[in-house]
């Protein structure tokens, strides 16, 4: 599991427009991007490599066009 000490969590700027259904992302740690549910912060964390996270975000942006 990734070391989460020092993770700086942030939410999307669009999170207020979707009724609070959003995720928080911490991308300030070396070699890892952490993702969690903003409504259940203790419910678990997904761990991505930075390359995998970029691919996910890029793919998501393309599907919303």
PDB file of N, CA and C in Angstrom:
ATOM      1  N   UNK A   1       0.842  -1.189   0.000  1.00  0.00           N
ATOM      2  CA  UNK A   1       0.000   0.000   0.000  1.00  0.00           C
ATOM      3  C   UNK A   1       0.882   1.246   0.000  1.00  0.00           C
ATOM      4  N   UNK A   2       0.410   2.274  -0.668  1.00  0.00           N
ATOM      5  CA  UNK A   2       1.166   3.520  -0.761  1.00  0.00           C
ATOM      6  C   UNK A   2       1.199   4.229   0.589  1.00  0.00           C
ATOM      7  N   UNK A   3       2.306   4.881   0.858  1.00  0.00           N
ATOM      8  CA  UNK A   3       2.425   5.698   2.057  1.00  0.00           C
ATOM      9  C   UNK A   3       1.615   6.972   1.839  1.00  0.00           C
ATOM     10  N   UNK A   4       0.602   7.188   2.675  1.00  0.00           N
ATOM     11  CA  UNK A   4      -0.299   8.313   2.470  1.00  0.00           C
ATOM     12  C   UNK A   4       0.032   9.515   3.346  1.00  0.00           C
ATOM     13  N   UNK A   5       1.041   9.412   4.174  1.00  0.00           N
ATOM     14  CA  UNK A   5       1.427  10.540   5.003  1.00  0.00           C
ATOM     15  C   UNK A   5       1.842  11.693   4.102  1.00  0.00           C
ATOM     16  N   UNK A   6       1.268  12.828   4.307  1.00  0.00           N
ATOM     17  CA  UNK A   6       1.590  14.006   3.511  1.00  0.00           C
ATOM     18  C   UNK A   6       0.716  14.175   2.281  1.00  0.00           C
ATOM     19  N   UNK A   7      -0.241  13.276   2.079  1.00  0.00           N
ATOM     20  CA  UNK A   7      -1.134  13.405   0.925  1.00  0.00           C
ATOM     21  C   UNK A   7      -1.957  14.677   1.062  1.00  0.00           C
ATOM     22  N   UNK A   8      -2.000  15.458   0.006  1.00  0.00           N
ATOM     23  CA  UNK A   8      -2.825  16.673  -0.046  1.00  0.00           C
ATOM     24  C   UNK A   8      -4.014  16.353  -0.948  1.00  0.00           C
ATOM     25  N   UNK A   9      -5.163  16.201  -0.328  1.00  0.00           N
ATOM     26  CA  UNK A   9      -6.377  15.806  -1.035  1.00  0.00           C
ATOM     27  C   UNK A   9      -7.068  17.026  -1.618  1.00  0.00           C
ATOM     28  N   UNK A  10      -7.610  16.858  -2.831  1.00  0.00           N
ATOM     29  CA  UNK A  10      -8.373  17.932  -3.473  1.00  0.00           C
ATOM     30  C   UNK A  10      -9.555  17.314  -4.209  1.00  0.00           C
ATOM     31  N   UNK A  11     -10.596  18.114  -4.392  1.00  0.00           N
ATOM     32  CA  UNK A  11     -11.762  17.664  -5.149  1.00  0.00           C
ATOM     33  C   UNK A  11     -11.821  18.448  -6.457  1.00  0.00           C
ATOM     34  N   UNK A  12     -12.595  17.949  -7.368  1.00  0.00           N
ATOM     35  CA  UNK A  12     -12.782  18.606  -8.649  1.00  0.00           C
ATOM     36  C   UNK A  12     -13.476  19.948  -8.456  1.00  0.00           C
ATOM     37  N   UNK A  13     -13.159  20.887  -9.312  1.00  0.00           N
ATOM     38  CA  UNK A  13     -13.852  22.171  -9.273  1.00  0.00           C
ATOM     39  C   UNK A  13     -15.308  22.004  -9.686  1.00  0.00           C
ATOM     40  N   UNK A  14     -15.650  20.894 -10.319  1.00  0.00           N
ATOM     41  CA  UNK A  14     -17.025  20.620 -10.730  1.00  0.00           C
ATOM     42  C   UNK A  14     -17.799  19.813  -9.681  1.00  0.00           C
ATOM     43  N   UNK A  15     -17.190  19.508  -8.569  1.00  0.00           N
ATOM     44  CA  UNK A  15     -17.825  18.622  -7.597  1.00  0.00           C
ATOM     45  C   UNK A  15     -19.091  19.210  -6.998  1.00  0.00           C
ATOM     46  N   UNK A  16     -19.203  20.516  -6.896  1.00  0.00           N
ATOM     47  CA  UNK A  16     -20.405  21.112  -6.313  1.00  0.00           C
ATOM     48  C   UNK A  16     -21.595  21.045  -7.261  1.00  0.00           C
ATOM     49  N   UNK A  17     -21.353  20.780  -8.532  1.00  0.00           N
ATOM     50  CA  UNK A  17     -22.449  20.760  -9.498  1.00  0.00           C
ATOM     51  C   UNK A  17     -23.075  19.377  -9.665  1.00  0.00           C
ATOM     52  N   UNK A  18     -22.535  18.367  -8.997  1.00  0.00           N
ATOM     53  CA  UNK A  18     -23.078  17.014  -9.186  1.00  0.00           C
ATOM     54  C   UNK A  18     -23.677  16.433  -7.908  1.00  0.00           C
ATOM     55  N   UNK A  19     -24.109  17.270  -7.015  1.00  0.00           N
ATOM     56  CA  UNK A  19     -24.779  16.799  -5.810  1.00  0.00           C
ATOM     57  C   UNK A  19     -23.860  16.177  -4.784  1.00  0.00           C
ATOM     58  N   UNK A  20     -22.575  16.480  -4.842  1.00  0.00           N
ATOM     59  CA  UNK A  20     -21.638  15.960  -3.859  1.00  0.00           C
ATOM     60  C   UNK A  20     -21.096  14.584  -4.165  1.00  0.00           C
ATOM     61  N   UNK A  21     -21.442  14.024  -5.315  1.00  0.00           N
ATOM     62  CA  UNK A  21     -20.925  12.715  -5.709  1.00  0.00           C
ATOM     63  C   UNK A  21     -19.593  12.910  -6.416  1.00  0.00           C
ATOM     64  N   UNK A  22     -18.524  12.902  -5.645  1.00  0.00           N
ATOM     65  CA  UNK A  22     -17.231  13.163  -6.255  1.00  0.00           C
ATOM     66  C   UNK A  22     -16.142  12.360  -5.550  1.00  0.00           C
ATOM     67  N   UNK A  23     -14.989  12.442  -6.123  1.00  0.00           N
ATOM     68  CA  UNK A  23     -13.820  11.798  -5.540  1.00  0.00           C
ATOM     69  C   UNK A  23     -12.816  12.865  -5.149  1.00  0.00           C
ATOM     70  N   UNK A  24     -11.913  12.476  -4.285  1.00  0.00           N
ATOM     71  CA  UNK A  24     -10.787  13.332  -3.927  1.00  0.00           C
ATOM     72  C   UNK A  24      -9.535  12.663  -4.467  1.00  0.00           C
ATOM     73  N   UNK A  25      -8.599  13.488  -4.914  1.00  0.00           N
ATOM     74  CA  UNK A  25      -7.361  12.995  -5.501  1.00  0.00           C
ATOM     75  C   UNK A  25      -6.189  13.620  -4.767  1.00  0.00           C
ATOM     76  N   UNK A  26      -5.183  12.813  -4.491  1.00  0.00           N
ATOM     77  CA  UNK A  26      -3.905  13.302  -3.954  1.00  0.00           C
ATOM     78  C   UNK A  26      -2.839  12.910  -4.968  1.00  0.00           C
ATOM     79  N   UNK A  27      -2.290  13.919  -5.644  1.00  0.00           N
ATOM     80  CA  UNK A  27      -1.284  13.635  -6.664  1.00  0.00           C
ATOM     81  C   UNK A  27       0.051  14.310  -6.358  1.00  0.00           C
ATOM     82  N   UNK A  28       0.269  14.593  -5.088  1.00  0.00           N
ATOM     83  CA  UNK A  28       1.495  15.273  -4.687  1.00  0.00           C
ATOM     84  C   UNK A  28       2.581  14.324  -4.174  1.00  0.00           C
ATOM     85  N   UNK A  29       2.289  13.039  -4.114  1.00  0.00           N
ATOM     86  CA  UNK A  29       3.277  12.074  -3.602  1.00  0.00           C
ATOM     87  C   UNK A  29       4.077  11.487  -4.758  1.00  0.00           C
ATOM     88  N   UNK A  30       5.344  11.206  -4.555  1.00  0.00           N
ATOM     89  CA  UNK A  30       6.165  10.691  -5.656  1.00  0.00           C
ATOM     90  C   UNK A  30       5.744   9.295  -6.114  1.00  0.00           C
ATOM     91  N   UNK A  31       5.491   9.166  -7.413  1.00  0.00           N
ATOM     92  CA  UNK A  31       5.235   7.861  -8.011  1.00  0.00           C
ATOM     93  C   UNK A  31       3.879   7.253  -7.782  1.00  0.00           C
ATOM     94  N   UNK A  32       2.940   8.018  -7.220  1.00  0.00           N
ATOM     95  CA  UNK A  32       1.632   7.451  -6.903  1.00  0.00           C
ATOM     96  C   UNK A  32       0.557   8.542  -6.940  1.00  0.00           C
ATOM     97  N   UNK A  33      -0.648   8.156  -7.366  1.00  0.00           N
ATOM     98  CA  UNK A  33      -1.823   9.029  -7.291  1.00  0.00           C
ATOM     99  C   UNK A  33      -2.865   8.266  -6.489  1.00  0.00           C
ATOM    100  N   UNK A  34      -3.394   8.902  -5.465  1.00  0.00           N
ATOM    101  CA  UNK A  34      -4.384   8.283  -4.589  1.00  0.00           C
ATOM    102  C   UNK A  34      -5.757   8.871  -4.872  1.00  0.00           C
ATOM    103  N   UNK A  35      -6.790   8.034  -4.816  1.00  0.00           N
ATOM    104  CA  UNK A  35      -8.159   8.462  -5.091  1.00  0.00           C
ATOM    105  C   UNK A  35      -9.065   7.854  -4.023  1.00  0.00           C
ATOM    106  N   UNK A  36      -9.987   8.664  -3.502  1.00  0.00           N
ATOM    107  CA  UNK A  36     -10.943   8.167  -2.508  1.00  0.00           C
ATOM    108  C   UNK A  36     -12.288   8.860  -2.695  1.00  0.00           C
ATOM    109  N   UNK A  37     -13.307   8.278  -2.122  1.00  0.00           N
ATOM    110  CA  UNK A  37     -14.667   8.815  -2.162  1.00  0.00           C
ATOM    111  C   UNK A  37     -14.767   9.948  -1.149  1.00  0.00           C
ATOM    112  N   UNK A  38     -15.217  11.103  -1.588  1.00  0.00           N
ATOM    113  CA  UNK A  38     -15.292  12.249  -0.679  1.00  0.00           C
ATOM    114  C   UNK A  38     -16.334  12.074   0.418  1.00  0.00           C
ATOM    115  N   UNK A  39     -17.307  11.191   0.202  1.00  0.00           N
ATOM    116  CA  UNK A  39     -18.351  10.958   1.205  1.00  0.00           C
ATOM    117  C   UNK A  39     -17.969   9.879   2.207  1.00  0.00           C
ATOM    118  N   UNK A  40     -16.935   9.109   1.900  1.00  0.00           N
ATOM    119  CA  UNK A  40     -16.507   7.997   2.767  1.00  0.00           C
ATOM    120  C   UNK A  40     -14.988   7.943   2.775  1.00  0.00           C
ATOM    121  N   UNK A  41     -14.386   8.920   3.380  1.00  0.00           N
ATOM    122  CA  UNK A  41     -12.922   9.069   3.344  1.00  0.00           C
ATOM    123  C   UNK A  41     -12.175   7.919   3.993  1.00  0.00           C
ATOM    124  N   UNK A  42     -12.823   7.188   4.882  1.00  0.00           N
ATOM    125  CA  UNK A  42     -12.177   6.040   5.525  1.00  0.00           C
ATOM    126  C   UNK A  42     -12.540   4.724   4.845  1.00  0.00           C
ATOM    127  N   UNK A  43     -13.277   4.795   3.755  1.00  0.00           N
ATOM    128  CA  UNK A  43     -13.779   3.599   3.095  1.00  0.00           C
ATOM    129  C   UNK A  43     -12.815   2.921   2.150  1.00  0.00           C
ATOM    130  N   UNK A  44     -11.630   3.431   1.997  1.00  0.00           N
ATOM    131  CA  UNK A  44     -10.655   2.817   1.110  1.00  0.00           C
ATOM    132  C   UNK A  44     -10.083   3.823   0.129  1.00  0.00           C
ATOM    133  N   UNK A  45      -8.933   3.484  -0.380  1.00  0.00           N
ATOM    134  CA  UNK A  45      -8.222   4.353  -1.310  1.00  0.00           C
ATOM    135  C   UNK A  45      -7.746   3.538  -2.492  1.00  0.00           C
ATOM    136  N   UNK A  46      -7.966   4.068  -3.683  1.00  0.00           N
ATOM    137  CA  UNK A  46      -7.423   3.451  -4.888  1.00  0.00           C
ATOM    138  C   UNK A  46      -6.060   4.057  -5.162  1.00  0.00           C
ATOM    139  N   UNK A  47      -5.146   3.246  -5.648  1.00  0.00           N
ATOM    140  CA  UNK A  47      -3.784   3.691  -5.931  1.00  0.00           C
ATOM    141  C   UNK A  47      -3.482   3.481  -7.408  1.00  0.00           C
ATOM    142  N   UNK A  48      -3.006   4.527  -8.051  1.00  0.00           N
ATOM    143  CA  UNK A  48      -2.654   4.499  -9.467  1.00  0.00           C
ATOM    144  C   UNK A  48      -1.213   4.954  -9.651  1.00  0.00           C
ATOM    145  N   UNK A  49      -0.581   4.487 -10.711  1.00  0.00           N
ATOM    146  CA  UNK A  49       0.672   5.116 -11.120  1.00  0.00           C
ATOM    147  C   UNK A  49       0.286   6.435 -11.786  1.00  0.00           C
ATOM    148  N   UNK A  50       1.185   7.409 -11.818  1.00  0.00           N
ATOM    149  CA  UNK A  50       0.850   8.663 -12.497  1.00  0.00           C
ATOM    150  C   UNK A  50       0.454   8.452 -13.966  1.00  0.00           C
ATOM    151  N   UNK A  51       1.120   7.540 -14.666  1.00  0.00           N
ATOM    152  CA  UNK A  51       0.783   7.282 -16.073  1.00  0.00           C
ATOM    153  C   UNK A  51      -0.621   6.695 -16.213  1.00  0.00           C
ATOM    154  N   UNK A  52      -0.987   5.767 -15.328  1.00  0.00           N
ATOM    155  CA  UNK A  52      -2.319   5.173 -15.371  1.00  0.00           C
ATOM    156  C   UNK A  52      -3.381   6.225 -15.057  1.00  0.00           C
ATOM    157  N   UNK A  53      -3.110   7.112 -14.117  1.00  0.00           N
ATOM    158  CA  UNK A  53      -4.070   8.159 -13.776  1.00  0.00           C
ATOM    159  C   UNK A  53      -4.254   9.121 -14.947  1.00  0.00           C
ATOM    160  N   UNK A  54      -3.156   9.526 -15.604  1.00  0.00           N
ATOM    161  CA  UNK A  54      -3.259  10.407 -16.776  1.00  0.00           C
ATOM    162  C   UNK A  54      -4.095   9.751 -17.866  1.00  0.00           C
ATOM    163  N   UNK A  55      -3.878   8.459 -18.097  1.00  0.00           N
ATOM    164  CA  UNK A  55      -4.649   7.745 -19.123  1.00  0.00           C
ATOM    165  C   UNK A  55      -6.131   7.707 -18.755  1.00  0.00           C
ATOM    166  N   UNK A  56      -6.442   7.474 -17.496  1.00  0.00           N
ATOM    167  CA  UNK A  56      -7.831   7.466 -17.037  1.00  0.00           C
ATOM    168  C   UNK A  56      -8.485   8.828 -17.247  1.00  0.00           C
ATOM    169  N   UNK A  57      -7.821   9.888 -16.810  1.00  0.00           N
ATOM    170  CA  UNK A  57      -8.371  11.240 -16.945  1.00  0.00           C
ATOM    171  C   UNK A  57      -8.543  11.596 -18.419  1.00  0.00           C
ATOM    172  N   UNK A  58      -7.554  11.274 -19.224  1.00  0.00           N
ATOM    173  CA  UNK A  58      -7.641  11.555 -20.660  1.00  0.00           C
ATOM    174  C   UNK A  58      -8.813  10.796 -21.280  1.00  0.00           C
ATOM    175  N   UNK A  59      -8.955   9.534 -20.962  1.00  0.00           N
ATOM    176  CA  UNK A  59     -10.062   8.741 -21.486  1.00  0.00           C
ATOM    177  C   UNK A  59     -11.413   9.246 -21.014  1.00  0.00           C
ATOM    178  N   UNK A  60     -11.487   9.689 -19.776  1.00  0.00           N
ATOM    179  CA  UNK A  60     -12.744  10.231 -19.242  1.00  0.00           C
ATOM    180  C   UNK A  60     -13.126  11.521 -19.937  1.00  0.00           C
ATOM    181  N   UNK A  61     -12.147  12.368 -20.175  1.00  0.00           N
ATOM    182  CA  UNK A  61     -12.412  13.640 -20.846  1.00  0.00           C
ATOM    183  C   UNK A  61     -12.896  13.394 -22.267  1.00  0.00           C
ATOM    184  N   UNK A  62     -12.333  12.426 -22.937  1.00  0.00           N
ATOM    185  CA  UNK A  62     -12.745  12.126 -24.314  1.00  0.00           C
ATOM    186  C   UNK A  62     -14.167  11.589 -24.355  1.00  0.00           C
ATOM    187  N   UNK A  63     -14.555  10.809 -23.365  1.00  0.00           N
ATOM    188  CA  UNK A  63     -15.900  10.215 -23.377  1.00  0.00           C
ATOM    189  C   UNK A  63     -16.978  11.232 -23.024  1.00  0.00           C
ATOM    190  N   UNK A  64     -16.594  12.378 -22.468  1.00  0.00           N
ATOM    191  CA  UNK A  64     -17.570  13.410 -22.094  1.00  0.00           C
ATOM    192  C   UNK A  64     -17.722  14.489 -23.156  1.00  0.00           C
ATOM    193  N   UNK A  65     -17.113  14.316 -24.286  1.00  0.00           N
ATOM    194  CA  UNK A  65     -17.210  15.327 -25.358  1.00  0.00           C
ATOM    195  C   UNK A  65     -18.482  15.184 -26.121  1.00  0.00           C
TER     196      UNK A  65
END
